[in-house]
């Protein structure tokens, strides 16, 4: 997605980063496929509230398969920041961690600080159980919502990484 992909790349690209742009709502589905086919690897999906709300059924699918190696982190800024900042349902009370828990995700949490996020991630990775962590963040994004790595180049590089 736009803001998450651009911000992730801005901290330094790595071959194991896949920027799923132009596919709102499908980051968790992509992560699920990787987690199921590569149970030997920890899979971390970084998502946005708008994307998750576009495909709430993704949470029930994650819960159905419960891959122990998947961590789903949702950055909830209560807006569709990448397309103009329109408010999402979380701005009026929808609780994504509660929705994930109700769907059957075994470990969920909502955090509001960096320390809380780090602790929640460390705990989830150590426990090796499907987890969804919702990080409440400010609606401030990067100056541009594009990466300087072509989608095709990213795809081939990531595919190479997965086959090692």
Protein backbone atom coordinates (compact mmCIF):
# COMPACT_ATOMS: atom_id res chain seq x y z
CA UNK A 1 0.00 0.00 0.00
CA UNK A 2 1.08 3.59 -0.49
CA UNK A 3 2.18 5.06 2.83
CA UNK A 4 3.33 1.82 4.44
CA UNK A 5 5.37 0.81 1.36
CA UNK A 6 6.96 4.24 0.94
CA UNK A 7 7.85 4.56 4.61
CA UNK A 8 9.27 1.03 4.77
CA UNK A 9 11.48 1.64 1.77
CA UNK A 10 12.61 4.98 3.19
CA UNK A 11 14.25 3.25 6.17
CA UNK A 12 16.34 1.10 3.86
CA UNK A 13 15.31 -1.54 1.35
CA UNK A 14 16.16 -5.19 1.92
CA UNK A 15 15.67 -8.18 -0.40
CA UNK A 16 13.09 -9.67 1.99
CA UNK A 17 10.82 -6.60 1.74
CA UNK A 18 7.92 -6.88 -0.70
CA UNK A 19 5.98 -3.69 -1.32
CA UNK A 20 2.46 -4.77 -2.21
CA UNK A 21 1.31 -1.63 -3.95
CA UNK A 22 -2.00 -1.21 -5.76
CA UNK A 23 -3.60 -4.16 -3.97
CA UNK A 24 -5.48 -2.69 -1.03
CA UNK A 25 -6.75 -5.32 1.32
CA UNK A 26 -4.54 -8.14 0.12
CA UNK A 27 -1.39 -7.80 2.22
CA UNK A 28 -2.61 -10.30 4.81
CA UNK A 29 -3.62 -12.73 2.04
CA UNK A 30 -0.17 -12.49 0.47
CA UNK A 31 1.45 -12.98 3.88
CA UNK A 32 -0.78 -15.98 4.59
CA UNK A 33 0.30 -17.67 1.37
CA UNK A 34 3.97 -17.13 2.20
CA UNK A 35 3.52 -18.27 5.81
CA UNK A 36 1.77 -21.48 4.76
CA UNK A 37 4.32 -22.37 2.10
CA UNK A 38 7.37 -21.34 4.14
CA UNK A 39 6.63 -22.39 7.75
CA UNK A 40 10.38 -22.22 8.45
CA UNK A 41 10.34 -18.41 8.10
CA UNK A 42 8.80 -15.71 10.25
CA UNK A 43 6.46 -13.63 8.09
CA UNK A 44 5.61 -10.08 9.15
CA UNK A 45 2.89 -8.21 7.26
CA UNK A 46 2.74 -4.44 7.64
CA UNK A 47 -0.72 -3.18 6.77
CA UNK A 48 -2.92 -0.12 7.08
CA UNK A 49 -6.37 0.27 8.59
CA UNK A 50 -7.90 1.27 5.26
CA UNK A 51 -6.51 -1.81 3.57
CA UNK A 52 -7.73 -4.17 6.27
CA UNK A 53 -11.18 -2.59 6.16
CA UNK A 54 -11.28 -3.23 2.39
CA UNK A 55 -10.95 -6.95 3.05
CA UNK A 56 -12.18 -7.81 6.55
CA UNK A 57 -12.65 -11.38 5.36
CA UNK A 58 -8.87 -11.64 5.32
CA UNK A 59 -8.91 -11.72 9.12
CA UNK A 60 -11.28 -14.71 9.16
CA UNK A 61 -9.10 -16.50 6.64
CA UNK A 62 -5.99 -15.88 8.76
CA UNK A 63 -7.86 -17.25 11.78
CA UNK A 64 -9.00 -20.31 9.86
CA UNK A 65 -5.47 -21.36 8.91
CA UNK A 66 -3.65 -19.93 11.97
CA UNK A 67 -0.09 -20.01 10.70
CA UNK A 68 2.20 -19.89 13.73
CA UNK A 69 4.81 -17.94 11.81
CA UNK A 70 2.66 -14.95 10.79
CA UNK A 71 2.55 -11.59 12.51
CA UNK A 72 0.09 -9.03 11.11
CA UNK A 73 0.85 -5.46 12.14
CA UNK A 74 -1.81 -2.87 11.26
CA UNK A 75 -0.89 0.80 11.38
CA UNK A 76 -4.18 2.50 12.21
CA UNK A 77 -4.15 6.23 11.46
CA UNK A 78 -7.95 6.30 11.17
CA UNK A 79 -7.73 7.53 7.59
CA UNK A 80 -7.12 6.63 3.98
CA UNK A 81 -4.01 8.78 4.04
CA UNK A 82 -2.61 7.66 0.69
CA UNK A 83 -5.71 8.83 -1.19
CA UNK A 84 -6.52 12.10 0.51
CA UNK A 85 -6.95 11.41 4.20
CA UNK A 86 -10.61 10.43 4.22
CA UNK A 87 -11.62 8.98 7.61
CA UNK A 88 -11.98 5.21 7.97
CA UNK A 89 -14.41 3.32 10.18
CA UNK A 90 -11.79 3.18 12.92
CA UNK A 91 -12.17 6.95 13.33
CA UNK A 92 -15.73 6.35 14.54
CA UNK A 93 -15.06 3.42 16.83
CA UNK A 94 -14.46 0.25 14.82
CA UNK A 95 -11.81 -1.74 16.69
CA UNK A 96 -9.62 -3.83 14.38
CA UNK A 97 -7.98 -5.80 17.22
CA UNK A 98 -11.43 -6.73 18.56
CA UNK A 99 -12.57 -7.70 15.06
CA UNK A 100 -9.48 -9.89 14.60
CA UNK A 101 -10.08 -11.52 18.00
CA UNK A 102 -13.74 -12.14 17.15
CA UNK A 103 -12.63 -13.68 13.85
CA UNK A 104 -10.51 -16.15 15.83
CA UNK A 105 -7.00 -14.70 15.69
CA UNK A 106 -5.42 -16.15 18.86
CA UNK A 107 -3.30 -13.13 19.88
CA UNK A 108 -4.39 -9.55 19.36
CA UNK A 109 -3.36 -6.25 20.86
CA UNK A 110 -3.75 -2.53 20.37
CA UNK A 111 -0.74 -0.36 21.17
CA UNK A 112 -0.31 3.40 21.30
CA UNK A 113 3.42 3.82 21.93
CA UNK A 114 6.62 2.71 20.23
CA UNK A 115 7.67 0.80 23.36
CA UNK A 116 4.29 -0.92 23.43
CA UNK A 117 4.66 -1.88 19.77
CA UNK A 118 8.16 -3.27 20.27
CA UNK A 119 7.01 -5.32 23.29
CA UNK A 120 3.94 -6.64 21.46
CA UNK A 121 6.02 -7.65 18.42
CA UNK A 122 8.71 -9.32 20.56
CA UNK A 123 6.07 -11.21 22.56
CA UNK A 124 4.19 -12.36 19.46
CA UNK A 125 7.34 -13.54 17.69
CA UNK A 126 8.53 -15.38 20.81
CA UNK A 127 5.16 -17.07 21.31
CA UNK A 128 5.05 -18.24 17.66
CA UNK A 129 1.31 -17.91 17.31
CA UNK A 130 -0.76 -16.04 14.74
CA UNK A 131 -1.01 -12.48 15.99
CA UNK A 132 -2.56 -9.20 14.91
CA UNK A 133 -1.18 -6.04 16.48
CA UNK A 134 -2.93 -2.73 15.84
CA UNK A 135 -0.63 0.26 16.28
CA UNK A 136 -2.53 3.52 16.64
CA UNK A 137 -0.48 6.16 14.80
CA UNK A 138 -0.85 9.76 13.69
CA UNK A 139 -2.19 10.46 10.20
CA UNK A 140 1.11 11.78 8.89
CA UNK A 141 2.72 10.13 5.92
CA UNK A 142 5.69 10.40 3.61
CA UNK A 143 6.02 13.24 1.11
CA UNK A 144 5.27 10.81 -1.75
CA UNK A 145 3.52 7.47 -1.87
CA UNK A 146 5.75 5.72 -4.37
CA UNK A 147 8.92 3.71 -4.10
CA UNK A 148 11.90 4.03 -6.42
CA UNK A 149 12.04 0.26 -6.92
CA UNK A 150 10.01 -0.98 -9.87
CA UNK A 151 7.22 -3.41 -9.02
CA UNK A 152 8.63 -6.04 -11.36
CA UNK A 153 12.16 -5.71 -9.96
CA UNK A 154 10.79 -6.00 -6.41
CA UNK A 155 8.81 -9.10 -7.37
CA UNK A 156 11.80 -10.94 -8.84
CA UNK A 157 14.13 -9.93 -6.01
CA UNK A 158 11.60 -11.08 -3.39
CA UNK A 159 10.94 -14.34 -5.24
CA UNK A 160 14.69 -15.02 -5.28
CA UNK A 161 14.84 -14.33 -1.55
CA UNK A 162 12.00 -16.78 -0.84
CA UNK A 163 13.62 -19.61 -2.78
CA UNK A 164 16.86 -19.49 -0.78
